[in-house]
């Protein structure tokens, strides 16, 4: 095993996220006709405990932050990046509106 391979293996457990997750203040997001409470979230994406329908990596989701649903500026577009055997869904944001970003910032307390 070469040096680079050993180094990659040693760093496999290191968190590579650029932004920390928030799990103690879940967001309520609306996708289609369903509301979801996030398991955790960051400005980069979110995780849901379940998803109605047939989630699969690459599926694009459009939705809104609860409370901003009627405001067109409270919207987002995300892409599912993984689905666990238990049905948990991880998605990354592709587009978020300024109002959505401000609401996330306020919710995180940062």
Foldseek 3Di string as FASTA:
>chain_A
DDPVVVVCVVCVPPDPDPWDKDQVQWWWKDWDNDIFTFNIATLFWTKTQADPDDADFQDKTKIFTPVCRVPPQRIWIWTWHDADPSHMTIITTPDHGPVNVVVVCVSVVD
